[in-house]
Amino acid sequence: MSYDLQAVIAAEETLRAATRDLSAARLAAIGQELSLMPMTDALFETVTDGSGASALGFQRLPGGFEKTLADWSAGGPVAYVEAEYFCGVGEQRAAVWDGGTIAIAPLHVDEGEPFAPAGSPISQALRRLGVVTSGGEDEFSAVRLGRHRHSEGWIA
């Protein structure tokens, strides 16, 4: 089975205000007062700076969009996350902006690498966004990011 996710995650209120004039944005509530905005093809085309290059070592962060995320973070922390897995093997990337600057530099775990003691890149980003865990689960599980196998599933 495969799993892929490319998305912006932030407080519902922050993300709703930031995307008010972005018609290609689709938001999905994920719990703990957070929302997720999948990086769909339509959104990617709308927000890219035209260079075609992904930013900060991410696979699908549109060129120039990191400045937009920094601007959005004036209203609260904003994360960009990516995960791609096939049969349990894969990689993750995550970064967080807060107060207009990068607060968690891009974290990356390649295929076959163990997670850091602090957790997966996505769990670390979610923790910075305020996700609370219980019962031995990590932040990824606490907001049930595994409930959809692909980014597009969040808006279906």
N, C-alpha and C. Protein backbone atom coordinates (compact mmCIF):
# COMPACT_ATOMS: atom_id res chain seq x y z
N MET A 1 0.83 -1.18 0.00
CA MET A 1 0.00 0.00 0.00
C MET A 1 0.87 1.24 0.00
N SER A 2 0.38 2.28 -0.63
CA SER A 2 1.13 3.53 -0.67
C SER A 2 0.42 4.59 0.18
N TYR A 3 1.21 5.58 0.56
CA TYR A 3 0.72 6.73 1.31
C TYR A 3 1.50 7.94 0.83
N ASP A 4 0.81 9.01 0.52
CA ASP A 4 1.50 10.26 0.21
C ASP A 4 0.72 11.44 0.76
N LEU A 5 1.46 12.41 1.22
CA LEU A 5 0.86 13.63 1.76
C LEU A 5 1.79 14.79 1.46
N GLN A 6 1.23 15.82 0.88
CA GLN A 6 1.91 17.10 0.69
C GLN A 6 0.89 18.15 1.10
N ALA A 7 1.16 18.87 2.19
CA ALA A 7 0.13 19.77 2.72
C ALA A 7 0.69 20.84 3.63
N VAL A 8 -0.07 21.91 3.74
CA VAL A 8 0.15 22.96 4.73
C VAL A 8 -0.79 22.65 5.89
N ILE A 9 -0.28 22.78 7.11
CA ILE A 9 -1.09 22.54 8.31
C ILE A 9 -0.92 23.74 9.24
N ALA A 10 -2.03 24.23 9.76
CA ALA A 10 -2.01 25.36 10.69
C ALA A 10 -3.32 25.38 11.47
N ALA A 11 -3.42 26.28 12.42
CA ALA A 11 -4.68 26.47 13.13
C ALA A 11 -5.77 26.79 12.12
N GLU A 12 -6.96 26.24 12.35
CA GLU A 12 -8.07 26.45 11.42
C GLU A 12 -8.26 27.92 11.10
N GLU A 13 -8.29 28.74 12.13
CA GLU A 13 -8.52 30.18 11.96
C GLU A 13 -7.40 30.83 11.13
N THR A 14 -6.17 30.48 11.40
CA THR A 14 -5.03 31.03 10.66
C THR A 14 -5.10 30.65 9.19
N LEU A 15 -5.35 29.38 8.92
CA LEU A 15 -5.37 28.90 7.54
C LEU A 15 -6.58 29.43 6.78
N ARG A 16 -7.71 29.51 7.44
CA ARG A 16 -8.91 30.05 6.79
C ARG A 16 -8.70 31.51 6.40
N ALA A 17 -8.12 32.31 7.29
CA ALA A 17 -7.87 33.72 6.99
C ALA A 17 -6.83 33.87 5.88
N ALA A 18 -5.79 33.05 5.91
CA ALA A 18 -4.71 33.14 4.93
C ALA A 18 -5.16 32.77 3.52
N THR A 19 -6.11 31.86 3.42
CA THR A 19 -6.52 31.35 2.11
C THR A 19 -7.81 31.97 1.60
N ARG A 20 -8.31 32.97 2.27
CA ARG A 20 -9.59 33.58 1.91
C ARG A 20 -9.67 33.93 0.43
N ASP A 21 -8.60 34.45 -0.15
CA ASP A 21 -8.60 34.86 -1.55
C ASP A 21 -7.89 33.86 -2.47
N LEU A 22 -7.70 32.66 -1.99
CA LEU A 22 -7.00 31.63 -2.76
C LEU A 22 -8.01 30.57 -3.17
N SER A 23 -8.63 30.76 -4.33
CA SER A 23 -9.75 29.91 -4.75
C SER A 23 -9.39 28.44 -4.91
N ALA A 24 -8.13 28.13 -5.17
CA ALA A 24 -7.73 26.73 -5.36
C ALA A 24 -7.50 26.00 -4.04
N ALA A 25 -7.51 26.72 -2.93
CA ALA A 25 -7.27 26.11 -1.62
C ALA A 25 -8.49 25.34 -1.16
N ARG A 26 -8.25 24.15 -0.64
CA ARG A 26 -9.28 23.32 -0.03
C ARG A 26 -8.78 22.94 1.35
N LEU A 27 -9.60 23.17 2.37
CA LEU A 27 -9.20 22.91 3.75
C LEU A 27 -9.97 21.73 4.32
N ALA A 28 -9.29 20.99 5.18
CA ALA A 28 -9.91 19.87 5.88
C ALA A 28 -9.52 19.95 7.35
N ALA A 29 -10.49 19.90 8.23
CA ALA A 29 -10.22 19.90 9.67
C ALA A 29 -9.59 18.56 10.04
N ILE A 30 -8.53 18.60 10.86
CA ILE A 30 -7.87 17.35 11.27
C ILE A 30 -7.94 17.14 12.77
N GLY A 31 -8.57 18.06 13.49
CA GLY A 31 -8.69 17.92 14.93
C GLY A 31 -7.72 18.83 15.66
N GLN A 32 -7.93 18.96 16.95
CA GLN A 32 -7.12 19.80 17.83
C GLN A 32 -7.01 21.23 17.27
N GLU A 33 -8.12 21.70 16.68
CA GLU A 33 -8.26 23.04 16.13
C GLU A 33 -7.30 23.35 14.98
N LEU A 34 -6.85 22.28 14.29
CA LEU A 34 -5.97 22.43 13.13
C LEU A 34 -6.69 22.06 11.85
N SER A 35 -6.23 22.66 10.76
CA SER A 35 -6.71 22.30 9.42
C SER A 35 -5.52 21.99 8.53
N LEU A 36 -5.81 21.24 7.50
CA LEU A 36 -4.82 20.82 6.53
C LEU A 36 -5.25 21.32 5.16
N MET A 37 -4.31 21.84 4.38
CA MET A 37 -4.58 22.27 3.01
C MET A 37 -3.68 21.44 2.10
N PRO A 38 -4.27 20.42 1.41
CA PRO A 38 -3.44 19.60 0.53
C PRO A 38 -2.88 20.41 -0.63
N MET A 39 -1.64 20.09 -1.02
CA MET A 39 -1.01 20.74 -2.16
C MET A 39 -1.47 20.01 -3.42
N THR A 40 -2.67 20.35 -3.87
CA THR A 40 -3.23 19.74 -5.08
C THR A 40 -2.53 20.31 -6.31
N ASP A 41 -2.74 19.68 -7.45
CA ASP A 41 -2.18 20.19 -8.70
C ASP A 41 -2.67 21.61 -8.97
N ALA A 42 -3.98 21.84 -8.76
CA ALA A 42 -4.55 23.17 -9.01
C ALA A 42 -3.92 24.21 -8.10
N LEU A 43 -3.75 23.89 -6.83
CA LEU A 43 -3.15 24.83 -5.89
C LEU A 43 -1.69 25.08 -6.26
N PHE A 44 -0.96 24.02 -6.57
CA PHE A 44 0.45 24.15 -6.96
C PHE A 44 0.60 25.13 -8.11
N GLU A 45 -0.23 24.96 -9.13
CA GLU A 45 -0.18 25.84 -10.30
C GLU A 45 -0.52 27.29 -9.95
N THR A 46 -1.42 27.46 -8.99
CA THR A 46 -1.85 28.81 -8.59
C THR A 46 -0.76 29.55 -7.81
N VAL A 47 -0.04 28.85 -6.95
CA VAL A 47 0.88 29.53 -6.03
C VAL A 47 2.35 29.49 -6.43
N THR A 48 2.71 28.70 -7.43
CA THR A 48 4.12 28.62 -7.80
C THR A 48 4.59 29.93 -8.44
N ASP A 49 5.86 30.23 -8.28
CA ASP A 49 6.41 31.46 -8.87
C ASP A 49 6.79 31.29 -10.33
N GLY A 50 6.53 30.12 -10.88
CA GLY A 50 6.82 29.88 -12.28
C GLY A 50 8.18 29.27 -12.54
N SER A 51 9.02 29.20 -11.52
CA SER A 51 10.36 28.63 -11.72
C SER A 51 10.30 27.13 -11.87
N GLY A 52 9.22 26.52 -11.36
CA GLY A 52 9.09 25.07 -11.42
C GLY A 52 9.93 24.35 -10.37
N ALA A 53 10.81 25.07 -9.71
CA ALA A 53 11.68 24.46 -8.71
C ALA A 53 10.96 24.33 -7.38
N SER A 54 11.17 23.20 -6.71
CA SER A 54 10.66 23.05 -5.36
C SER A 54 11.61 23.75 -4.40
N ALA A 55 11.08 24.22 -3.32
CA ALA A 55 11.86 25.01 -2.38
C ALA A 55 12.34 24.17 -1.20
N LEU A 56 13.47 24.57 -0.63
CA LEU A 56 14.00 24.05 0.64
C LEU A 56 14.17 22.54 0.68
N GLY A 57 14.38 21.90 -0.46
CA GLY A 57 14.60 20.46 -0.50
C GLY A 57 13.34 19.62 -0.49
N PHE A 58 12.18 20.25 -0.51
CA PHE A 58 10.93 19.52 -0.58
C PHE A 58 10.67 19.07 -2.01
N GLN A 59 9.85 18.05 -2.16
CA GLN A 59 9.51 17.54 -3.48
C GLN A 59 8.42 18.37 -4.15
N ARG A 60 7.49 18.92 -3.35
CA ARG A 60 6.31 19.56 -3.93
C ARG A 60 5.97 20.92 -3.31
N LEU A 61 6.92 21.55 -2.64
CA LEU A 61 6.70 22.91 -2.13
C LEU A 61 6.98 23.87 -3.29
N PRO A 62 5.97 24.57 -3.78
CA PRO A 62 6.16 25.42 -4.96
C PRO A 62 7.24 26.47 -4.75
N GLY A 63 7.99 26.73 -5.82
CA GLY A 63 9.01 27.77 -5.77
C GLY A 63 8.40 29.09 -5.35
N GLY A 64 9.01 29.76 -4.38
CA GLY A 64 8.53 31.05 -3.90
C GLY A 64 7.47 30.96 -2.81
N PHE A 65 6.87 29.77 -2.61
CA PHE A 65 5.77 29.65 -1.66
C PHE A 65 6.24 29.72 -0.21
N GLU A 66 7.52 29.49 0.03
CA GLU A 66 8.02 29.58 1.40
C GLU A 66 7.86 31.00 1.95
N LYS A 67 7.93 32.03 1.09
CA LYS A 67 7.70 33.40 1.54
C LYS A 67 6.23 33.59 1.94
N THR A 68 5.33 32.99 1.19
CA THR A 68 3.90 33.05 1.52
C THR A 68 3.66 32.40 2.88
N LEU A 69 4.28 31.24 3.11
CA LEU A 69 4.10 30.56 4.40
C LEU A 69 4.66 31.41 5.54
N ALA A 70 5.78 32.08 5.30
CA ALA A 70 6.34 32.97 6.32
C ALA A 70 5.35 34.11 6.62
N ASP A 71 4.75 34.67 5.57
CA ASP A 71 3.76 35.73 5.76
C ASP A 71 2.55 35.22 6.55
N TRP A 72 2.05 34.05 6.17
CA TRP A 72 0.90 33.47 6.87
C TRP A 72 1.20 33.24 8.35
N SER A 73 2.46 32.93 8.67
CA SER A 73 2.81 32.58 10.05
C SER A 73 2.78 33.78 10.99
N ALA A 74 2.54 34.97 10.47
CA ALA A 74 2.37 36.12 11.36
C ALA A 74 1.14 35.90 12.24
N GLY A 75 0.18 35.09 11.77
CA GLY A 75 -1.03 34.79 12.53
C GLY A 75 -0.92 33.55 13.39
N GLY A 76 0.22 32.89 13.39
CA GLY A 76 0.43 31.67 14.17
C GLY A 76 1.27 30.69 13.37
N PRO A 77 1.81 29.67 14.02
CA PRO A 77 2.71 28.74 13.33
C PRO A 77 2.02 28.03 12.17
N VAL A 78 2.79 27.84 11.10
CA VAL A 78 2.32 27.19 9.88
C VAL A 78 3.36 26.14 9.48
N ALA A 79 2.92 24.92 9.21
CA ALA A 79 3.84 23.85 8.81
C ALA A 79 3.58 23.44 7.36
N TYR A 80 4.64 23.04 6.70
CA TYR A 80 4.51 22.37 5.41
C TYR A 80 5.10 20.99 5.61
N VAL A 81 4.34 19.95 5.23
CA VAL A 81 4.77 18.57 5.46
C VAL A 81 4.65 17.75 4.18
N GLU A 82 5.54 16.78 4.06
CA GLU A 82 5.49 15.81 2.97
C GLU A 82 5.83 14.43 3.52
N ALA A 83 5.12 13.44 3.02
CA ALA A 83 5.42 12.04 3.34
C ALA A 83 5.11 11.21 2.12
N GLU A 84 5.96 10.24 1.86
CA GLU A 84 5.72 9.31 0.77
C GLU A 84 6.21 7.93 1.21
N TYR A 85 5.28 6.98 1.24
CA TYR A 85 5.59 5.62 1.67
C TYR A 85 4.99 4.61 0.71
N PHE A 86 5.68 3.49 0.56
CA PHE A 86 5.15 2.36 -0.19
C PHE A 86 5.55 1.11 0.57
N CYS A 87 4.56 0.32 0.97
CA CYS A 87 4.79 -0.90 1.75
C CYS A 87 5.60 -0.62 3.02
N GLY A 88 5.32 0.51 3.66
CA GLY A 88 5.96 0.84 4.93
C GLY A 88 7.33 1.46 4.83
N VAL A 89 7.85 1.63 3.63
CA VAL A 89 9.17 2.21 3.43
C VAL A 89 9.01 3.55 2.73
N GLY A 90 9.68 4.58 3.24
CA GLY A 90 9.53 5.87 2.59
C GLY A 90 10.30 6.97 3.27
N GLU A 91 9.82 8.19 3.08
CA GLU A 91 10.51 9.35 3.62
C GLU A 91 9.52 10.42 4.06
N GLN A 92 10.01 11.33 4.92
CA GLN A 92 9.21 12.46 5.42
C GLN A 92 10.05 13.72 5.41
N ARG A 93 9.35 14.84 5.20
CA ARG A 93 9.96 16.17 5.30
C ARG A 93 8.96 17.08 6.02
N ALA A 94 9.48 18.05 6.76
CA ALA A 94 8.60 19.02 7.43
C ALA A 94 9.39 20.27 7.79
N ALA A 95 8.71 21.40 7.79
CA ALA A 95 9.27 22.66 8.25
C ALA A 95 8.14 23.47 8.86
N VAL A 96 8.48 24.39 9.76
CA VAL A 96 7.49 25.23 10.42
C VAL A 96 7.97 26.68 10.39
N TRP A 97 7.04 27.57 10.05
CA TRP A 97 7.28 29.01 10.11
C TRP A 97 6.44 29.56 11.26
N ASP A 98 6.98 30.55 11.96
CA ASP A 98 6.25 31.17 13.06
C ASP A 98 6.74 32.61 13.18
N GLY A 99 5.80 33.54 13.29
CA GLY A 99 6.16 34.94 13.44
C GLY A 99 6.92 35.50 12.25
N GLY A 100 6.70 34.94 11.08
CA GLY A 100 7.33 35.45 9.87
C GLY A 100 8.68 34.85 9.52
N THR A 101 9.19 33.95 10.36
CA THR A 101 10.49 33.33 10.09
C THR A 101 10.39 31.82 10.24
N ILE A 102 11.38 31.14 9.73
CA ILE A 102 11.38 29.69 9.84
C ILE A 102 11.74 29.32 11.28
N ALA A 103 10.88 28.54 11.92
CA ALA A 103 11.05 28.18 13.33
C ALA A 103 11.64 26.78 13.46
N ILE A 104 11.28 25.89 12.56
CA ILE A 104 11.88 24.56 12.49
C ILE A 104 12.37 24.41 11.06
N ALA A 105 13.70 24.43 10.91
CA ALA A 105 14.30 24.29 9.58
C ALA A 105 13.86 22.97 8.97
N PRO A 106 13.88 22.87 7.67
CA PRO A 106 13.41 21.63 7.05
C PRO A 106 14.08 20.39 7.65
N LEU A 107 13.24 19.50 8.14
CA LEU A 107 13.68 18.21 8.67
C LEU A 107 13.39 17.17 7.60
N HIS A 108 14.27 16.19 7.48
CA HIS A 108 14.12 15.20 6.43
C HIS A 108 14.61 13.85 6.92
N VAL A 109 13.82 12.82 6.72
CA VAL A 109 14.23 11.45 7.00
C VAL A 109 14.08 10.67 5.70
N ASP A 110 15.20 10.16 5.20
CA ASP A 110 15.20 9.37 3.97
C ASP A 110 14.78 7.94 4.23
N GLU A 111 14.47 7.26 3.15
CA GLU A 111 14.13 5.84 3.20
C GLU A 111 15.22 5.08 3.94
N GLY A 112 14.80 4.28 4.91
CA GLY A 112 15.72 3.44 5.67
C GLY A 112 16.36 4.11 6.87
N GLU A 113 16.21 5.43 7.02
CA GLU A 113 16.77 6.12 8.17
C GLU A 113 15.79 6.06 9.34
N PRO A 114 16.30 5.93 10.56
CA PRO A 114 15.40 5.96 11.72
C PRO A 114 14.98 7.39 12.04
N PHE A 115 13.85 7.51 12.70
CA PHE A 115 13.42 8.82 13.18
C PHE A 115 14.34 9.26 14.32
N ALA A 116 14.48 10.55 14.48
CA ALA A 116 15.25 11.12 15.58
C ALA A 116 14.53 10.80 16.90
N PRO A 117 15.25 10.86 18.03
CA PRO A 117 14.59 10.65 19.32
C PRO A 117 13.39 11.58 19.54
N ALA A 118 13.41 12.77 18.92
CA ALA A 118 12.31 13.72 19.06
C ALA A 118 11.09 13.32 18.23
N GLY A 119 11.22 12.29 17.38
CA GLY A 119 10.09 11.83 16.57
C GLY A 119 10.29 12.12 15.10
N SER A 120 9.30 11.73 14.32
CA SER A 120 9.36 11.94 12.87
C SER A 120 9.32 13.44 12.56
N PRO A 121 9.77 13.83 11.38
CA PRO A 121 9.68 15.24 11.01
C PRO A 121 8.26 15.80 11.13
N ILE A 122 7.28 15.04 10.67
CA ILE A 122 5.89 15.52 10.74
C ILE A 122 5.41 15.62 12.18
N SER A 123 5.75 14.65 13.01
CA SER A 123 5.36 14.72 14.42
C SER A 123 6.00 15.92 15.12
N GLN A 124 7.25 16.21 14.80
CA GLN A 124 7.91 17.38 15.40
C GLN A 124 7.21 18.67 14.97
N ALA A 125 6.83 18.75 13.69
CA ALA A 125 6.12 19.94 13.21
C ALA A 125 4.76 20.08 13.90
N LEU A 126 4.04 18.97 14.00
CA LEU A 126 2.73 19.00 14.66
C LEU A 126 2.85 19.40 16.12
N ARG A 127 3.90 18.94 16.77
CA ARG A 127 4.12 19.31 18.17
C ARG A 127 4.29 20.83 18.28
N ARG A 128 5.02 21.42 17.34
CA ARG A 128 5.23 22.88 17.34
C ARG A 128 3.90 23.61 17.12
N LEU A 129 2.96 22.96 16.40
CA LEU A 129 1.64 23.54 16.18
C LEU A 129 0.71 23.34 17.37
N GLY A 130 1.18 22.62 18.38
CA GLY A 130 0.39 22.46 19.60
C GLY A 130 -0.35 21.15 19.75
N VAL A 131 -0.08 20.18 18.89
CA VAL A 131 -0.78 18.88 19.00
C VAL A 131 -0.38 18.20 20.30
N VAL A 132 -1.38 17.70 20.99
CA VAL A 132 -1.21 17.01 22.26
C VAL A 132 -1.48 15.52 22.04
N THR A 133 -0.63 14.68 22.62
CA THR A 133 -0.78 13.23 22.46
C THR A 133 -1.21 12.60 23.78
N SER A 134 -1.67 11.35 23.67
CA SER A 134 -2.00 10.58 24.87
C SER A 134 -1.85 9.10 24.55
N GLY A 135 -1.70 8.32 25.58
CA GLY A 135 -1.69 6.87 25.42
C GLY A 135 -0.60 6.31 24.53
N GLY A 136 0.57 6.93 24.51
CA GLY A 136 1.68 6.40 23.75
C GLY A 136 1.65 6.67 22.26
N GLU A 137 0.65 7.40 21.78
CA GLU A 137 0.60 7.72 20.35
C GLU A 137 1.51 8.90 20.04
N ASP A 138 1.90 9.03 18.77
CA ASP A 138 2.65 10.21 18.36
C ASP A 138 1.69 11.26 17.81
N GLU A 139 2.21 12.41 17.46
CA GLU A 139 1.38 13.52 16.99
C GLU A 139 0.69 13.19 15.66
N PHE A 140 1.39 12.48 14.79
CA PHE A 140 0.83 12.05 13.50
C PHE A 140 -0.45 11.25 13.74
N SER A 141 -0.40 10.32 14.68
CA SER A 141 -1.57 9.50 15.01
C SER A 141 -2.63 10.30 15.76
N ALA A 142 -2.20 11.24 16.60
CA ALA A 142 -3.15 12.00 17.41
C ALA A 142 -4.13 12.80 16.55
N VAL A 143 -3.69 13.27 15.38
CA VAL A 143 -4.59 14.00 14.48
C VAL A 143 -5.02 13.13 13.30
N ARG A 144 -4.72 11.86 13.38
CA ARG A 144 -5.16 10.84 12.41
C ARG A 144 -4.79 11.20 10.96
N LEU A 145 -3.53 11.56 10.75
CA LEU A 145 -3.10 11.87 9.39
C LEU A 145 -3.10 10.65 8.48
N GLY A 146 -3.19 9.48 9.05
CA GLY A 146 -3.24 8.27 8.24
C GLY A 146 -4.62 7.91 7.73
N ARG A 147 -5.63 8.71 8.02
CA ARG A 147 -7.00 8.33 7.63
C ARG A 147 -7.24 8.41 6.13
N HIS A 148 -6.40 9.14 5.40
CA HIS A 148 -6.48 9.18 3.93
C HIS A 148 -5.13 8.76 3.38
N ARG A 149 -5.11 7.91 2.38
CA ARG A 149 -3.87 7.36 1.83
C ARG A 149 -3.16 8.34 0.90
N HIS A 150 -3.91 9.32 0.35
CA HIS A 150 -3.32 10.26 -0.61
C HIS A 150 -3.80 11.67 -0.32
N SER A 151 -3.00 12.65 -0.69
CA SER A 151 -3.33 14.06 -0.43
C SER A 151 -4.70 14.44 -0.93
N GLU A 152 -5.07 13.97 -2.13
CA GLU A 152 -6.36 14.32 -2.71
C GLU A 152 -7.53 13.80 -1.88
N GLY A 153 -7.32 12.75 -1.09
CA GLY A 153 -8.37 12.18 -0.26
C GLY A 153 -8.92 13.14 0.77
N TRP A 154 -8.12 14.12 1.15
CA TRP A 154 -8.55 15.08 2.16
C TRP A 154 -9.65 16.01 1.65
N ILE A 155 -9.79 16.12 0.35
CA ILE A 155 -10.82 17.03 -0.18
C ILE A 155 -11.93 16.30 -0.90
N ALA A 156 -11.89 14.98 -0.90
CA ALA A 156 -12.92 14.18 -1.59
C ALA A 156 -14.24 14.28 -0.85
